[in-house]
C-alpha atoms as a PDB file:
ATOM      1  CA  MET A   1      17.162 103.712 -59.756  1.00  0.00           C
ATOM      2  CA  VAL A   2      19.154 105.604 -62.390  1.00  0.00           C
ATOM      3  CA  THR A   3      17.297 107.998 -64.669  1.00  0.00           C
ATOM      4  CA  HIS A   4      18.845 108.728 -68.038  1.00  0.00           C
ATOM      5  CA  ILE A   5      18.173 111.949 -69.898  1.00  0.00           C
ATOM      6  CA  MET A   6      17.135 111.431 -73.515  1.00  0.00           C
ATOM      7  CA  ASP A   7      19.802 113.783 -74.830  1.00  0.00           C
ATOM      8  CA  GLY A   8      20.872 111.804 -77.879  1.00  0.00           C
ATOM      9  CA  VAL A   9      19.625 110.481 -81.215  1.00  0.00           C
ATOM     10  CA  LEU A  10      21.098 107.168 -82.336  1.00  0.00           C
ATOM     11  CA  ASN A  11      21.333 106.499 -86.068  1.00  0.00           C
ATOM     12  CA  GLU A  12      20.849 102.737 -85.988  1.00  0.00           C
ATOM     13  CA  VAL A  13      22.245 102.303 -89.513  1.00  0.00           C
ATOM     14  CA  THR A  14      25.619 103.978 -88.903  1.00  0.00           C
ATOM     15  CA  GLY A  15      25.851 103.401 -85.147  1.00  0.00           C
ATOM     16  CA  THR A  16      26.435 107.111 -84.532  1.00  0.00           C
ATOM     17  CA  ILE A  17      24.996 109.048 -81.601  1.00  0.00           C
ATOM     18  CA  HIS A  18      24.120 112.701 -82.165  1.00  0.00           C
ATOM     19  CA  ARG A  19      23.068 115.421 -79.747  1.00  0.00           C
ATOM     20  CA  SER A  20      19.287 115.690 -79.732  1.00  0.00           C
ATOM     21  CA  GLU A  21      17.728 118.883 -81.070  1.00  0.00           C
ATOM     22  CA  PRO A  22      15.322 120.190 -78.418  1.00  0.00           C
ATOM     23  CA  GLY A  23      11.758 121.104 -79.269  1.00  0.00           C
ATOM     24  CA  THR A  24      11.274 118.770 -82.243  1.00  0.00           C
ATOM     25  CA  ALA A  25       8.385 116.336 -82.526  1.00  0.00           C
ATOM     26  CA  GLU A  26      10.571 113.633 -84.093  1.00  0.00           C
ATOM     27  CA  PRO A  27      14.092 112.549 -83.145  1.00  0.00           C
ATOM     28  CA  ARG A  28      16.480 114.964 -84.882  1.00  0.00           C
ATOM     29  CA  ALA A  29      20.133 115.899 -84.369  1.00  0.00           C
ATOM     30  CA  THR A  30      21.425 119.399 -83.730  1.00  0.00           C
ATOM     31  CA  CYS A  31      24.017 118.974 -86.506  1.00  0.00           C
ATOM     32  CA  GLY A  32      21.270 118.439 -89.108  1.00  0.00           C
ATOM     33  CA  VAL A  33      22.588 115.134 -90.449  1.00  0.00           C
ATOM     34  CA  THR A  34      19.412 113.234 -89.536  1.00  0.00           C
ATOM     35  CA  TYR A  35      16.873 115.446 -91.360  1.00  0.00           C
ATOM     36  CA  HIS A  36      16.933 113.333 -94.515  1.00  0.00           C
ATOM     37  CA  LEU A  37      16.679 110.016 -92.650  1.00  0.00           C
ATOM     38  CA  ASP A  38      13.621 107.890 -91.951  1.00  0.00           C
ATOM     39  CA  VAL A  39      12.714 108.440 -88.287  1.00  0.00           C
ATOM     40  CA  GLY A  40      12.130 104.690 -88.016  1.00  0.00           C
ATOM     41  CA  ARG A  41      15.921 104.277 -88.080  1.00  0.00           C
ATOM     42  CA  LEU A  42      16.516 106.809 -85.306  1.00  0.00           C
ATOM     43  CA  SER A  43      16.180 106.187 -81.580  1.00  0.00           C
ATOM     44  CA  GLU A  44      16.129 108.746 -78.795  1.00  0.00           C
ATOM     45  CA  MET A  45      18.240 107.709 -75.823  1.00  0.00           C
ATOM     46  CA  SER A  46      20.906 108.967 -73.497  1.00  0.00           C
ATOM     47  CA  VAL A  47      24.378 109.383 -74.929  1.00  0.00           C
ATOM     48  CA  GLU A  48      25.732 107.204 -72.119  1.00  0.00           C
ATOM     49  CA  ARG A  49      23.378 104.339 -72.987  1.00  0.00           C
ATOM     50  CA  ALA A  50      24.143 104.578 -76.717  1.00  0.00           C
ATOM     51  CA  THR A  51      27.891 104.392 -76.170  1.00  0.00           C
ATOM     52  CA  ALA A  52      27.729 101.697 -73.476  1.00  0.00           C
ATOM     53  CA  ASP A  53      24.917  99.418 -74.705  1.00  0.00           C
ATOM     54  CA  HIS A  54      25.093  99.971 -78.479  1.00  0.00           C
ATOM     55  CA  ASP A  55      28.836 100.677 -78.885  1.00  0.00           C
ATOM     56  CA  ALA A  56      27.857 103.884 -80.712  1.00  0.00           C
ATOM     57  CA  ARG A  57      30.386 106.440 -81.916  1.00  0.00           C
ATOM     58  CA  LYS A  58      29.838 110.105 -81.103  1.00  0.00           C
ATOM     59  CA  CYS A  59      29.237 112.516 -83.977  1.00  0.00           C
ATOM     60  CA  GLY A  60      32.139 114.918 -84.525  1.00  0.00           C
ATOM     61  CA  ARG A  61      29.781 117.812 -85.225  1.00  0.00           C
ATOM     62  CA  CYS A  62      27.740 117.299 -82.076  1.00  0.00           C
ATOM     63  CA  PHE A  63      30.491 116.408 -79.582  1.00  0.00           C
ATOM     64  CA  GLU A  64      34.034 117.725 -79.073  1.00  0.00           C
ATOM     65  CA  ASP A  65      35.252 114.190 -78.364  1.00  0.00           C
ATOM     66  CA  GLY A  66      33.364 112.731 -81.355  1.00  0.00           C
ATOM     67  CA  HIS A  67      34.547 111.503 -84.746  1.00  0.00           C
ATOM     68  CA  GLY A  68      33.343 111.720 -88.328  1.00  0.00           C
ATOM     69  CA  TYR A  69      30.948 113.929 -90.247  1.00  0.00           C
END
């Protein structure tokens, strides 16, 4: 059994995965881009799952190998 760490926040509208900000009650990104978004459009999941299963792009602010923002 593989356990994935919920280290990412997927913006389901843009298809972008962000690094999860620790210690928040709602899914929020460390780069701050998600603060104005409805949490109903954000999903917490592992970065690996988001990129593999949802074809998500990594945020350029949150990840060195990311793009955009």
